[in-house]
Protein backbone atom coordinates (compact mmCIF):
# COMPACT_ATOMS: atom_id res chain seq x y z
CA MET A 1 12.48 36.46 4.16
CA PRO A 2 12.42 34.15 7.18
CA VAL A 3 15.02 31.43 7.44
CA VAL A 4 12.35 28.76 7.92
CA LYS A 5 8.61 28.65 8.31
CA ALA A 6 7.33 28.38 11.87
CA VAL A 7 5.72 24.97 11.34
CA GLU A 8 8.82 23.53 9.69
CA TYR A 9 10.92 24.92 12.53
CA ALA A 10 8.70 23.39 15.18
CA GLU A 11 8.83 19.98 13.49
CA ALA A 12 12.60 20.16 12.96
CA SER A 13 13.34 21.25 16.52
CA ALA A 14 11.07 18.52 17.92
CA ALA A 15 12.90 15.92 15.84
CA ALA A 16 16.28 17.31 16.92
CA ARG A 17 15.26 17.26 20.57
CA ALA A 18 14.16 13.65 20.20
CA LYS A 19 17.70 12.90 18.97
CA GLY A 20 19.22 14.64 22.00
CA MET A 21 19.59 18.32 21.06
CA THR A 22 19.73 20.47 24.18
CA ASP A 23 18.47 24.03 24.64
CA ASP A 24 22.09 25.26 24.52
CA MET A 25 22.73 23.40 21.27
CA LEU A 26 19.58 24.86 19.70
CA ALA A 27 20.52 28.36 20.84
CA GLU A 28 23.98 28.00 19.29
CA LEU A 29 22.52 26.69 16.04
CA LEU A 30 20.08 29.60 15.84
CA ALA A 31 22.92 32.06 16.54
CA VAL A 32 24.98 30.62 13.67
CA VAL A 33 22.02 30.67 11.28
CA GLY A 34 21.18 34.23 12.32
CA LEU A 35 24.76 35.39 11.77
CA ALA A 36 24.84 33.77 8.33
CA ASN A 37 21.56 35.49 7.48
CA GLU A 38 22.93 38.88 8.56
CA THR A 39 26.09 38.32 6.53
CA ASN A 40 24.04 37.47 3.43
CA LEU A 41 21.90 40.58 3.90
CA LEU A 42 25.00 42.78 4.14
CA ALA A 43 26.62 41.14 1.11
CA ASN A 44 23.43 41.64 -0.91
CA GLY A 45 23.13 45.25 0.28
CA TYR A 46 26.70 46.07 -0.73
CA ARG A 47 26.29 44.05 -3.93
CA VAL A 48 29.39 41.96 -3.26
CA PRO A 49 30.07 39.93 -6.41
CA VAL A 50 29.91 36.15 -6.13
CA ASP A 51 33.14 34.31 -6.95
CA ASP A 52 32.96 32.45 -10.26
CA GLN A 53 33.55 29.10 -8.56
CA PHE A 54 30.31 29.52 -6.56
CA LYS A 55 28.04 30.63 -9.41
CA ALA A 56 25.43 28.11 -10.45
């Protein structure tokens, strides 16, 4: 599942750039989001149980 839809991403990045986000800042943000996504995929694959305090 993609992190965000392409249209939503384009609108969000345009808004962020209007507020002063640089290419380097966007690259770092995408790296962090990508790493979090990979971590979630691994945790789901290994079926790591969720701590009780984080269960909804």
